[in-house]
Amino acid sequence: MTLLASRLALRRAARRVLAVAAVATLLAGAAVVDRPAPATAAGYTGPHPGTFTGLGFDTCAAPSNAAMKAWLQSPYRAVGIYIGGVNRGCAQANLTKEWVSTQQAAGWRFFPLYVGLQAPCSSYQRRIDPARAATQGREAADDAATSARNLGLAARSTIILDLERYPAGDATCTGAVDTFVSAWTGRLHEHGFLAGVYTSVESAGLRDQVAAYARPGYARPDLIDFARWDGIRTVSDEAIPASYWPKRRMKQYRGDHHETWGGVRINIDSNYLELEQPAYAVRTAQPQLRRYGTLSGTLRRLTPVR
């Protein structure tokens, strides 16, 4: 097994705080040359990422306004932002409601990432407790929804749970992760947001999500964000059945590397997104949410538009 294959899917926010060893990528150290910029996109205020096909990047800390303006010369038009989670790394001095508003006006799309508790069979310090997995999944969703609202992200935006690599073959671990993810998804729907999960083709996480996809009673995530660092810009993959998450996939196709655009050099991961915003409407239901301390009044649920 190559070094690359053995160390896939370590998003940089988790790399630092989870003390994961640095890895080489397929093109590490290669020079990046500026190319002519695509046309600047119009301002955007809808749910994130929304309907979008194209390239995105993520980096540990949200770049400055000046850096984001410079990177309008890049082919990227979506950016991953780490909005919270107990395992989030890097201070987020730039990530404010005003920053979000400024970047939306410039046409950037966001894919919000939440680095929460990790699998109980992983080596990470902050892990899911199998006895409390459902409660912890709901708590993570409550926290993520609060962060998203505080940043001014529109309702029905998709918040992606960063689920780092864990080994296969542990039924208790898989059960805890599935319970956590299902609770995360259902709770975000109650808050009026969509749910995603980031995982790797080399982790049990992707196989577990595929196995649970059609399971009765399982609240599967609305989006799958998977890592395979092969440099290929596609969301088709042999590890995911073609009928699963149609038009709701994104792929991290290249890991830890530097690129320079507009004279600004940033360490990034590169992603390809192929997404259509689901036709969901938000409706109110019974008032039960106040006791969780995140919303007062009514409980909001997502239901398909017929």
Protein backbone atom coordinates (compact mmCIF):
# COMPACT_ATOMS: atom_id res chain seq x y z
CA MET A 1 0.00 0.00 0.00
CA THR A 2 1.36 3.45 -0.91
CA LEU A 3 1.86 6.21 1.63
CA LEU A 4 -0.89 8.15 -0.10
CA ALA A 5 -3.37 5.28 0.11
CA SER A 6 -2.61 4.74 3.77
CA ARG A 7 -3.18 8.38 4.80
CA LEU A 8 -6.15 9.65 2.78
CA ALA A 9 -8.82 12.07 3.94
CA LEU A 10 -7.16 14.06 6.67
CA ARG A 11 -8.70 17.50 6.36
CA ARG A 12 -6.25 20.08 7.60
CA ALA A 13 -8.49 21.32 10.42
CA ALA A 14 -8.33 17.87 11.94
CA ARG A 15 -4.66 17.35 11.09
CA ARG A 16 -3.50 19.99 13.52
CA VAL A 17 -5.79 19.49 16.48
CA LEU A 18 -5.85 15.70 16.18
CA ALA A 19 -2.06 15.56 15.83
CA VAL A 20 -2.08 13.47 12.64
CA ALA A 21 1.23 13.10 10.80
CA ALA A 22 1.76 15.19 7.67
CA VAL A 23 1.46 13.37 4.33
CA ALA A 24 2.79 13.79 0.83
CA THR A 25 0.40 14.22 -2.07
CA LEU A 26 0.72 13.02 -5.61
CA LEU A 27 1.94 16.41 -6.76
CA ALA A 28 3.65 17.72 -3.65
CA GLY A 29 6.18 20.41 -4.34
CA ALA A 30 5.07 20.97 -7.91
CA ALA A 31 5.00 24.59 -9.03
CA VAL A 32 1.59 26.13 -9.58
CA VAL A 33 1.40 28.64 -12.42
CA ASP A 34 -1.27 31.33 -12.61
CA ARG A 35 -3.68 30.90 -15.50
CA PRO A 36 -6.25 33.35 -16.90
CA ALA A 37 -9.09 33.83 -14.44
CA PRO A 38 -12.65 32.74 -15.19
CA ALA A 39 -15.34 35.39 -15.24
CA THR A 40 -16.23 36.74 -11.81
CA ALA A 41 -19.47 35.26 -10.49
CA ALA A 42 -22.37 37.42 -9.42
CA GLY A 43 -23.16 37.82 -5.73
CA TYR A 44 -24.92 34.91 -4.04
CA THR A 45 -27.19 34.82 -0.99
CA GLY A 46 -28.91 31.44 -1.20
CA PRO A 47 -28.26 28.20 0.67
CA HIS A 48 -24.69 26.96 0.54
CA PRO A 49 -23.23 25.39 -1.47
CA GLY A 50 -26.57 25.29 -3.31
CA THR A 51 -26.70 24.17 -6.91
CA PHE A 52 -23.09 24.23 -8.02
CA THR A 53 -20.74 22.33 -10.32
CA GLY A 54 -17.08 23.21 -10.25
CA LEU A 55 -13.95 23.49 -8.16
CA GLY A 56 -13.58 24.33 -4.49
CA PHE A 57 -10.75 24.51 -1.99
CA ASP A 58 -10.52 24.25 1.77
CA THR A 59 -7.84 25.56 4.06
CA CYS A 60 -7.43 25.44 7.82
CA ALA A 61 -8.28 29.08 8.59
CA ALA A 62 -10.56 31.29 6.52
CA PRO A 63 -8.31 33.54 4.39
CA SER A 64 -8.42 37.31 4.65
CA ASN A 65 -10.71 39.41 2.48
CA ALA A 66 -7.68 40.51 0.48
CA ALA A 67 -6.59 36.91 -0.11
CA MET A 68 -10.08 35.88 -1.19
CA LYS A 69 -10.21 38.80 -3.62
CA ALA A 70 -6.84 37.75 -5.07
CA TRP A 71 -8.08 34.18 -5.45
CA LEU A 72 -10.87 35.33 -7.73
CA GLN A 73 -8.13 34.85 -10.33
CA SER A 74 -8.17 31.11 -9.55
CA PRO A 75 -10.44 28.46 -11.10
CA TYR A 76 -12.02 27.94 -7.66
CA ARG A 77 -15.41 29.39 -6.80
CA ALA A 78 -16.29 27.43 -3.64
CA VAL A 79 -14.44 27.47 -0.33
CA GLY A 80 -14.66 25.20 2.70
CA ILE A 81 -15.11 27.02 5.99
CA TYR A 82 -14.65 25.32 9.36
CA ILE A 83 -17.55 26.65 11.38
CA GLY A 84 -17.05 24.68 14.61
CA GLY A 85 -16.67 21.38 16.43
CA VAL A 86 -14.66 20.14 19.41
CA ASN A 87 -11.87 18.96 17.10
CA ARG A 88 -11.67 22.05 14.91
CA GLY A 89 -8.11 23.30 14.50
CA CYS A 90 -6.79 26.77 13.68
CA ALA A 91 -8.02 30.08 15.05
CA GLN A 92 -10.68 31.63 12.81
CA ALA A 93 -9.92 35.33 13.14
CA ASN A 94 -11.38 36.12 9.71
CA LEU A 95 -14.48 33.94 9.91
CA THR A 96 -17.19 36.42 10.88
CA LYS A 97 -20.67 37.27 9.66
CA GLU A 98 -19.18 40.27 7.87
CA TRP A 99 -16.57 38.09 6.13
CA VAL A 100 -19.28 35.70 4.97
CA SER A 101 -21.36 38.58 3.63
CA THR A 102 -18.37 40.06 1.79
CA GLN A 103 -17.42 36.76 0.16
CA GLN A 104 -21.02 36.00 -0.82
CA ALA A 105 -21.19 39.39 -2.53
CA ALA A 106 -18.05 38.46 -4.46
CA GLY A 107 -19.75 35.27 -5.66
CA TRP A 108 -18.07 32.65 -3.48
CA ARG A 109 -20.00 29.55 -2.43
CA PHE A 110 -19.26 27.90 0.91
CA PHE A 111 -19.22 24.29 2.00
CA PRO A 112 -19.44 24.60 5.81
CA LEU A 113 -17.46 21.95 7.71
CA TYR A 114 -17.90 20.87 11.32
CA VAL A 115 -15.10 18.88 12.98
CA GLY A 116 -16.95 17.11 15.78
CA LEU A 117 -16.40 13.97 17.85
CA GLN A 118 -14.66 11.15 16.01
CA ALA A 119 -15.30 7.41 15.82
CA PRO A 120 -14.86 5.57 19.12
CA CYS A 121 -12.46 3.08 17.50
CA SER A 122 -10.25 5.84 16.12
CA SER A 123 -7.07 7.09 17.78
CA TYR A 124 -8.41 10.61 18.31
CA GLN A 125 -8.80 11.97 21.81
CA ARG A 126 -12.32 13.41 21.51
CA ARG A 127 -14.51 10.51 20.44
CA ILE A 128 -18.13 9.44 20.30
CA ASP A 129 -19.38 7.59 23.38
CA PRO A 130 -21.35 4.59 22.06
CA ALA A 131 -23.74 4.87 25.02
CA ARG A 132 -24.51 8.52 24.17
CA ALA A 133 -24.08 8.55 20.39
CA ALA A 134 -27.60 9.77 19.57
CA THR A 135 -27.49 12.54 22.16
CA GLN A 136 -24.04 13.60 21.06
CA GLY A 137 -25.12 13.67 17.41
CA ARG A 138 -28.02 15.96 18.25
CA GLU A 139 -25.81 18.18 20.40
CA ALA A 140 -23.31 18.52 17.56
CA ALA A 141 -26.12 19.50 15.18
CA ASP A 142 -27.43 22.06 17.66
CA ASP A 143 -23.98 23.61 17.92
CA ALA A 144 -23.40 23.55 14.15
CA ALA A 145 -26.78 25.14 13.44
CA THR A 146 -26.09 27.91 15.95
CA SER A 147 -22.70 28.61 14.36
CA ALA A 148 -24.21 28.65 10.87
CA ARG A 149 -26.92 31.12 11.90
CA ASN A 150 -24.39 33.33 13.68
CA LEU A 151 -22.37 33.51 10.45
CA GLY A 152 -25.45 34.45 8.47
CA LEU A 153 -25.63 31.26 6.40
CA ALA A 154 -29.01 30.85 4.76
CA ALA A 155 -31.53 28.22 5.81
CA ARG A 156 -31.23 24.93 3.91
CA SER A 157 -27.45 25.30 3.67
CA THR A 158 -25.63 21.98 4.00
CA ILE A 159 -23.33 21.52 7.00
CA ILE A 160 -20.77 18.76 6.53
CA LEU A 161 -19.61 16.61 9.43
CA ASP A 162 -15.87 15.94 9.15
CA LEU A 163 -15.57 12.25 10.02
CA GLU A 164 -11.92 11.22 9.93
CA ARG A 165 -10.55 7.78 9.15
CA TYR A 166 -11.37 4.82 11.37
CA PRO A 167 -10.81 1.07 10.89
CA ALA A 168 -13.33 -1.48 9.70
CA GLY A 169 -14.39 -4.60 11.57
CA ASP A 170 -15.64 -3.12 14.83
CA ALA A 171 -19.42 -3.50 15.01
CA THR A 172 -19.77 -1.37 18.14
CA CYS A 173 -17.80 1.42 16.54
CA THR A 174 -19.80 1.29 13.31
CA GLY A 175 -23.06 1.27 15.27
CA ALA A 176 -22.00 4.33 17.27
CA VAL A 177 -20.96 6.25 14.16
CA ASP A 178 -24.17 5.39 12.33
CA THR A 179 -26.26 6.43 15.33
CA PHE A 180 -24.36 9.70 15.64
CA VAL A 181 -24.66 10.52 11.92
CA SER A 182 -28.37 9.67 11.80
CA ALA A 183 -29.02 11.88 14.84
CA TRP A 184 -26.86 14.64 13.32
CA THR A 185 -28.84 14.53 10.08
CA GLY A 186 -32.27 14.43 11.69
CA ARG A 187 -31.45 17.23 14.09
CA LEU A 188 -30.06 19.51 11.38
CA HIS A 189 -33.26 18.97 9.43
CA GLU A 190 -35.20 20.11 12.48
CA HIS A 191 -33.11 23.27 12.49
CA GLY A 192 -33.84 23.92 8.82
CA PHE A 193 -30.41 22.88 7.49
CA LEU A 194 -29.24 19.98 5.34
CA ALA A 195 -26.59 17.53 6.52
CA GLY A 196 -23.47 16.17 4.90
CA VAL A 197 -20.66 13.81 5.87
CA TYR A 198 -17.01 13.94 4.85
CA THR A 199 -15.12 10.65 4.82
CA SER A 200 -12.56 8.71 2.80
CA VAL A 201 -12.51 5.78 0.43
CA GLU A 202 -9.80 4.37 2.71
CA SER A 203 -11.93 4.66 5.85
CA ALA A 204 -14.66 2.41 7.16
CA GLY A 205 -16.69 5.61 7.23
CA LEU A 206 -17.57 5.58 3.54
CA ARG A 207 -18.39 1.88 3.52
CA ASP A 208 -20.57 2.31 6.61
CA GLN A 209 -22.48 5.20 5.04
CA VAL A 210 -23.03 3.23 1.84
CA ALA A 211 -24.20 0.20 3.84
CA ALA A 212 -26.66 2.32 5.84
CA TYR A 213 -27.95 4.35 2.88
CA ALA A 214 -31.23 2.50 2.37
CA ARG A 215 -31.60 1.14 5.91
CA PRO A 216 -35.13 1.68 7.30
CA GLY A 217 -35.15 4.33 10.00
CA TYR A 218 -31.71 5.66 9.13
CA ALA A 219 -31.56 9.41 8.51
CA ARG A 220 -28.88 9.36 5.85
CA PRO A 221 -26.94 12.55 5.15
CA ASP A 222 -28.11 14.66 2.22
CA LEU A 223 -24.59 15.02 0.79
CA ILE A 224 -21.52 12.80 0.69
CA ASP A 225 -18.10 14.45 0.58
CA PHE A 226 -15.41 11.84 -0.03
CA ALA A 227 -11.65 11.87 -0.37
CA ARG A 228 -9.69 10.02 -3.02
CA TRP A 229 -6.43 11.79 -3.78
CA ASP A 230 -6.01 10.58 -7.36
CA GLY A 231 -6.11 14.02 -9.00
CA ILE A 232 -9.24 13.15 -11.01
CA ARG A 233 -12.02 15.73 -11.03
CA THR A 234 -15.11 13.56 -10.91
CA VAL A 235 -17.69 12.52 -8.32
CA SER A 236 -18.16 9.04 -9.78
CA ASP A 237 -16.40 6.38 -7.77
CA GLU A 238 -16.45 2.60 -7.62
CA ALA A 239 -16.94 2.76 -3.85
CA ILE A 240 -20.32 4.52 -4.18
CA PRO A 241 -23.27 3.02 -6.09
CA ALA A 242 -24.31 5.27 -8.95
CA SER A 243 -27.85 5.64 -7.56
CA TYR A 244 -26.64 6.88 -4.15
CA TRP A 245 -26.48 10.63 -3.51
CA PRO A 246 -27.21 11.59 -7.14
CA LYS A 247 -26.11 15.19 -7.79
CA ARG A 248 -25.26 15.44 -4.08
CA ARG A 249 -21.58 14.53 -4.09
CA MET A 250 -18.26 16.27 -3.78
CA LYS A 251 -14.79 14.81 -3.98
CA GLN A 252 -11.54 15.93 -2.38
CA TYR A 253 -9.30 14.92 -5.28
CA ARG A 254 -5.98 16.41 -4.12
CA GLY A 255 -4.67 16.85 -0.60
CA ASP A 256 -2.26 19.10 1.24
CA HIS A 257 -0.44 21.39 -1.26
CA HIS A 258 0.24 25.05 -2.01
CA GLU A 259 -1.21 27.13 -4.81
CA THR A 260 -0.63 30.76 -5.70
CA TRP A 261 -3.25 32.97 -7.32
CA GLY A 262 -3.20 36.74 -7.61
CA GLY A 263 0.15 36.72 -5.86
CA VAL A 264 -1.25 35.01 -2.73
CA ARG A 265 0.01 31.57 -1.71
CA ILE A 266 -2.29 29.33 0.37
CA ASN A 267 -1.98 25.73 1.58
CA ILE A 268 -5.13 23.94 0.43
CA ASP A 269 -6.98 20.75 -0.39
CA SER A 270 -8.72 20.72 -3.79
CA ASN A 271 -12.30 19.56 -4.31
CA TYR A 272 -14.70 18.95 -7.18
CA LEU A 273 -18.39 19.58 -6.48
CA GLU A 274 -21.41 18.36 -8.44
CA LEU A 275 -24.49 19.46 -6.54
CA GLU A 276 -28.12 20.29 -7.03
CA GLN A 277 -29.99 21.91 -4.17
CA PRO A 278 -32.81 19.52 -3.11
CA ALA A 279 -36.35 20.84 -3.40
CA TYR A 280 -37.06 21.03 0.32
CA ALA A 281 -39.43 23.41 2.05
CA VAL A 282 -39.25 24.40 5.70
CA ARG A 283 -42.46 24.02 7.66
CA THR A 284 -43.25 24.41 11.33
CA ALA A 285 -44.26 21.64 13.68
CA GLN A 286 -44.88 21.24 17.38
CA PRO A 287 -43.05 23.64 19.76
CA GLN A 288 -40.48 21.43 21.47
CA LEU A 289 -37.07 22.93 20.85
CA ARG A 290 -36.69 25.43 23.70
CA ARG A 291 -35.35 22.86 26.14
CA TYR A 292 -32.27 22.36 23.95
CA GLY A 293 -31.32 26.00 24.33
CA THR A 294 -30.78 26.69 20.63
CA LEU A 295 -34.10 27.90 19.23
CA SER A 296 -37.23 29.15 20.89
CA GLY A 297 -40.71 28.78 19.50
CA THR A 298 -41.31 26.14 16.88
CA LEU A 299 -39.51 23.08 15.71
CA ARG A 300 -38.69 23.31 12.02
CA ARG A 301 -38.60 20.27 9.76
CA LEU A 302 -37.53 19.76 6.17
CA THR A 303 -40.06 18.12 3.92
CA PRO A 304 -39.86 17.42 0.18
CA VAL A 305 -41.85 19.71 -2.10
CA ARG A 306 -44.41 17.59 -3.92
